[in-house]
Protein backbone atom coordinates (compact mmCIF):
# COMPACT_ATOMS: atom_id res chain seq x y z
CA ALA A 1 84.30 68.80 110.71
CA VAL A 2 87.68 70.57 110.83
CA ARG A 3 87.28 74.31 110.33
CA GLU A 4 89.38 75.74 107.56
CA HIS A 5 91.99 78.26 108.71
CA ARG A 6 94.26 80.51 106.64
CA ASP A 7 95.78 83.76 107.87
CA LEU A 8 97.77 86.79 106.77
CA PHE A 9 101.53 86.92 107.10
CA LEU A 10 102.94 90.37 106.43
CA ALA A 11 106.41 91.91 106.06
CA LEU A 12 107.64 95.43 105.22
CA LEU A 13 110.70 96.01 103.04
CA ASP A 14 112.51 99.32 103.56
CA GLY A 15 116.01 100.72 103.52
CA GLN A 16 116.86 98.76 106.65
CA GLY A 17 115.79 95.41 105.25
CA LEU A 18 112.81 93.13 105.59
CA HIS A 19 110.69 93.41 108.75
CA ALA A 20 107.89 91.10 109.87
CA LEU A 21 104.66 92.98 110.62
CA PRO A 22 101.83 91.88 112.93
CA ALA A 23 98.59 91.10 111.19
CA PRO A 24 95.46 93.21 111.92
CA ALA A 25 93.04 91.80 114.44
CA SER A 26 90.91 88.98 113.08
CA GLY A 27 87.12 88.92 112.98
CA ALA A 28 84.89 85.90 113.22
CA GLY A 29 86.08 84.41 109.91
CA GLY A 30 88.58 81.59 109.97
CA VAL A 31 90.04 82.40 106.51
CA ARG A 32 91.95 85.54 105.50
CA GLU A 33 93.72 86.12 102.20
CA ASN A 34 94.50 88.56 99.33
CA ALA A 35 96.01 91.27 101.52
CA VAL A 36 96.66 94.47 99.51
CA PRO A 37 98.65 97.39 100.93
CA LEU A 38 97.26 100.92 100.83
CA THR A 39 100.01 103.53 100.47
CA SER A 40 100.56 107.25 100.50
CA VAL A 41 101.40 109.08 97.26
CA GLY A 42 105.06 108.68 98.30
CA GLY A 43 104.70 104.93 98.75
CA ASP A 44 104.61 104.71 102.55
CA LEU A 45 102.35 102.04 104.05
CA GLU A 46 99.19 103.54 105.50
CA GLY A 47 96.70 100.74 105.50
CA LEU A 48 95.62 97.29 104.31
CA VAL A 49 92.56 95.68 102.74
CA TRP A 50 91.94 91.94 102.70
CA LEU A 51 89.27 89.24 102.29
CA GLU A 52 87.97 87.44 105.38
CA GLY A 53 85.28 84.91 106.12
CA GLY A 54 84.42 81.30 106.87
CA ASP A 55 85.23 80.22 103.28
CA ARG A 56 85.66 81.64 99.76
CA GLN A 57 81.92 81.90 99.26
CA SER A 58 81.35 84.15 102.28
CA TYR A 59 84.15 86.67 102.28
CA ALA A 60 83.74 90.22 103.56
CA VAL A 61 86.17 92.92 102.42
CA ARG A 62 87.91 94.34 105.51
CA HIS A 63 90.34 97.22 106.05
CA ALA A 64 92.63 98.65 108.72
CA ALA A 65 94.87 101.74 108.92
CA TRP A 66 98.61 101.59 109.82
CA ASP A 67 100.18 104.37 111.89
CA GLY A 68 103.78 103.14 111.59
CA MET A 69 103.54 101.06 114.79
CA ARG A 70 100.24 99.29 114.86
CA TRP A 71 96.99 98.57 113.01
CA SER A 72 93.71 100.32 113.80
CA GLU A 73 90.69 98.25 114.72
CA PRO A 74 89.63 96.60 111.43
CA GLY A 75 86.43 97.81 109.72
CA VAL A 76 84.19 96.21 107.08
CA LEU A 77 84.42 97.76 103.64
CA ALA A 78 81.89 95.36 102.09
CA GLU A 79 79.73 92.76 103.82
CA PRO A 80 79.55 89.22 102.42
CA ALA A 81 77.72 89.06 99.05
CA PRO A 82 75.35 86.31 97.74
CA GLY A 83 78.51 84.47 96.64
CA SER A 84 82.24 85.01 96.30
CA GLN A 85 84.12 88.31 96.57
CA LEU A 86 87.63 87.88 95.08
CA ALA A 87 90.62 89.50 93.37
CA LEU A 88 91.20 92.62 95.46
CA ALA A 89 93.42 95.30 93.89
CA ALA A 90 94.16 98.90 94.94
CA THR A 91 95.92 102.07 93.89
CA THR A 92 96.60 105.53 95.33
CA LEU A 93 95.57 108.55 93.25
CA ALA A 94 97.58 111.76 92.92
CA ASP A 95 95.22 113.50 95.44
CA GLY A 96 95.98 110.88 98.07
CA SER A 97 92.67 109.09 97.82
CA ARG A 98 92.63 105.35 97.28
CA LEU A 99 90.67 103.11 94.97
CA VAL A 100 90.01 99.46 95.66
CA VAL A 101 88.44 97.14 93.07
CA TRP A 102 87.34 93.51 93.24
CA SER A 103 84.90 91.06 91.69
CA ARG A 104 81.68 90.23 93.50
CA PHE A 105 79.03 87.66 92.72
CA ASP A 106 75.57 89.30 92.77
CA GLY A 107 73.50 86.11 92.74
CA HIS A 108 73.56 85.80 88.97
CA ASP A 109 77.03 86.72 87.67
CA ASP A 110 80.24 88.42 88.80
CA GLU A 111 80.47 92.21 88.65
CA VAL A 112 83.56 94.40 89.15
CA VAL A 113 82.96 96.79 92.04
CA THR A 114 84.93 99.67 93.56
CA ALA A 115 85.15 101.72 96.72
CA ARG A 116 87.16 104.94 97.33
CA PHE A 117 88.83 106.24 100.46
CA ALA A 118 88.79 110.06 100.51
CA HIS A 119 88.42 112.73 103.18
CA GLY A 120 88.86 110.16 105.96
CA ARG A 121 86.08 107.78 104.97
CA TRP A 122 85.24 104.95 102.56
CA SER A 123 82.46 105.24 100.00
CA ALA A 124 79.93 102.44 99.62
CA ALA A 125 80.99 99.76 97.16
CA ARG A 126 79.38 100.06 93.79
CA ALA A 127 79.69 98.42 90.39
CA ILE A 128 82.00 100.15 87.91
CA ALA A 129 79.71 99.23 84.95
CA ALA A 130 76.03 98.51 84.49
CA ASP A 131 74.93 94.91 85.09
CA ASN A 132 75.34 93.07 81.82
CA GLY A 133 74.34 89.49 82.69
CA VAL A 134 77.79 88.05 82.01
CA PRO A 135 80.79 87.41 84.32
CA ASP A 136 83.29 90.24 84.91
CA ILE A 137 86.33 88.93 86.79
CA THR A 138 90.01 89.44 87.89
CA PRO A 139 90.21 93.29 87.91
CA ALA A 140 93.37 95.38 88.17
CA VAL A 141 93.76 99.15 88.74
CA VAL A 142 96.48 101.74 88.44
CA ALA A 143 96.65 105.54 89.05
CA VAL A 144 97.28 107.79 86.02
CA ARG A 145 97.33 111.54 85.48
CA GLY A 146 93.84 112.83 86.28
CA GLY A 147 92.45 109.60 87.75
CA ALA A 148 92.91 105.87 87.27
CA LEU A 149 92.53 103.03 84.77
CA ALA A 150 90.91 99.67 85.57
CA THR A 151 90.97 96.47 83.51
CA TRP A 152 89.37 93.06 83.87
CA SER A 153 88.18 89.98 81.91
CA ARG A 154 84.60 90.03 80.64
CA TYR A 155 82.76 87.15 79.04
CA ASP A 156 81.61 88.19 75.58
CA GLY A 157 79.11 85.37 75.11
CA HIS A 158 81.69 82.98 73.71
CA GLU A 159 85.07 83.69 75.33
CA TYR A 160 86.69 86.03 77.85
CA ARG A 161 88.19 89.29 76.64
CA ILE A 162 89.83 92.08 78.55
CA VAL A 163 88.13 95.48 78.86
CA ILE A 164 89.33 98.82 80.21
CA ALA A 165 87.59 101.77 81.93
CA ARG A 166 88.85 105.14 83.08
CA PHE A 167 88.09 106.94 86.37
CA ASP A 168 88.24 110.73 85.94
CA GLY A 169 88.13 111.53 89.68
CA ARG A 170 84.30 111.33 89.82
CA GLU A 171 82.89 108.76 87.47
CA TRP A 172 83.94 105.66 85.53
CA SER A 173 83.75 105.55 81.76
CA GLU A 174 81.90 102.85 79.91
CA PRO A 175 84.24 99.84 79.59
CA THR A 176 85.64 99.22 76.11
CA TRP A 177 87.20 96.06 74.65
CA ALA A 178 90.98 96.18 74.89
CA GLY A 179 92.15 92.66 73.96
CA PRO A 180 91.34 89.84 71.59
CA ALA A 181 89.09 86.86 72.24
CA GLY A 182 90.75 84.60 74.75
CA SER A 183 92.55 87.37 76.63
CA THR A 184 92.62 86.88 80.41
CA GLU A 185 94.64 87.64 83.58
CA PRO A 186 95.13 91.36 82.90
CA PHE A 187 97.34 93.52 85.09
CA LEU A 188 98.42 97.18 84.95
CA SER A 189 101.83 98.71 85.76
CA ARG A 190 103.66 101.97 85.36
CA THR A 191 107.26 102.60 84.31
CA ALA A 192 109.16 103.73 87.36
CA GLY A 193 111.12 106.94 87.55
CA GLU A 194 109.49 108.84 84.71
CA GLY A 195 106.99 110.99 86.59
CA ALA A 196 103.28 111.47 86.09
CA ASP A 197 103.42 110.84 82.36
CA SER A 198 105.28 107.55 82.49
CA PRO A 199 103.74 104.86 80.32
CA THR A 200 101.02 102.56 81.55
CA TRP A 201 101.41 98.95 80.51
CA LEU A 202 98.46 96.52 80.24
CA THR A 203 99.74 92.98 80.13
CA PHE A 204 97.54 89.95 79.65
CA ALA A 205 97.61 86.27 78.75
CA HIS A 206 96.23 85.28 75.38
CA ALA A 207 95.12 81.84 74.13
CA ARG A 208 95.77 82.01 70.39
CA PRO A 209 98.68 81.88 69.97
CA ARG A 210 99.54 80.98 73.53
CA GLY A 211 101.52 83.71 75.18
CA TRP A 212 101.38 87.22 76.61
CA GLY A 213 100.29 90.51 75.04
CA VAL A 214 101.27 94.04 76.08
CA LEU A 215 99.51 97.34 75.40
CA GLU A 216 101.06 100.73 76.03
CA LEU A 217 98.28 103.09 77.15
CA ASP A 218 98.07 106.84 77.63
CA ALA A 219 96.25 108.36 80.61
CA THR A 220 92.87 108.07 78.81
CA GLY A 221 93.29 104.35 78.16
CA ARG A 222 94.03 104.83 74.43
CA VAL A 223 96.42 102.27 72.96
CA LEU A 224 99.72 103.83 71.84
CA ARG A 225 101.69 100.70 70.97
CA GLN A 226 101.24 96.98 71.29
CA GLY A 227 103.19 93.73 71.09
CA ALA A 228 103.12 90.07 72.04
CA VAL A 229 105.34 87.11 72.72
CA GLU A 230 104.59 83.45 72.19
CA THR A 231 105.47 81.38 75.22
CA GLY A 232 104.23 78.50 77.31
CA ALA A 233 105.04 80.37 80.51
CA LEU A 234 101.83 80.51 82.61
CA SER A 235 103.01 82.72 85.48
CA ARG A 236 102.65 86.50 85.29
CA PRO A 237 105.83 88.13 83.94
CA ALA A 238 107.72 91.11 85.32
CA LEU A 239 108.12 94.08 82.99
CA THR A 240 111.29 96.04 82.39
CA ALA A 241 111.44 99.16 80.19
CA LEU A 242 114.49 99.19 77.95
CA PRO A 243 116.52 102.15 76.68
CA GLY A 244 115.02 103.42 73.44
CA GLY A 245 111.42 102.59 74.38
CA GLY A 246 111.48 98.80 74.21
CA LEU A 247 110.08 96.38 76.75
CA ARG A 248 111.22 93.04 78.20
CA LEU A 249 109.10 90.38 79.88
CA ARG A 250 110.80 88.23 82.51
CA TRP A 251 109.81 84.98 84.13
CA ALA A 252 111.73 82.91 86.67
CA ALA A 253 113.52 80.85 84.01
CA ASP A 254 113.02 82.87 80.81
CA GLU A 255 112.81 86.35 79.35
CA SER A 256 111.75 87.84 76.04
CA ASP A 257 111.93 91.24 74.45
CA VAL A 258 108.62 92.57 73.11
CA GLU A 259 108.54 94.20 69.66
CA LEU A 260 106.17 97.08 70.04
CA HIS A 261 104.42 98.74 67.11
């Protein structure tokens, strides 16, 4: 049998242009994917997390630090689980610590788990929410004033719906429903250039009608405004804040302003 092989290819974009970076040293696994940069509060590259293993059912979560010239010897953030570990995402908090989230199969269903890097060490991975017997998948996370917000898709017994939880620097809140039935593929972003209180946008695909929804959140996860566009575009859009408080979603071949209310 031919052993599967996929590797990481990295590049750094700075004021001098785009520079190829070496990949961290590889372990025993023949497949590496889903590389996520770990940055300082100012945005400088300081590390990397990624998935590595023999196949998608046996991934470990690995990490390495970057000193500006080379990678440290990689370490294991989470050993392989009973099944898949997928959908890594990360953010850097105002205090310089870093949160990583991902979905992990526990032998029965997928749970969203997290680990934090603070004071020079990683915490053990633990579930954000209590085991509920249904799949929790595709998490995203973003830093906000006083902590972070995480979102993901949770099966409600009939369909997937997005939920949101807040990290207050110590603990995660109980997840609450944030989107309608059929809402999937959530991601979180902040408006650039507006400081610590810039809006947080939660964007997600919805099935009925087919399109994309947007929620404007405050730092607690409370919905301030919301809007949606109907479109057949399947790829994740880019968000642009408009003068006067509006929002525009952009795809490769299309764009649409979102009426927020």
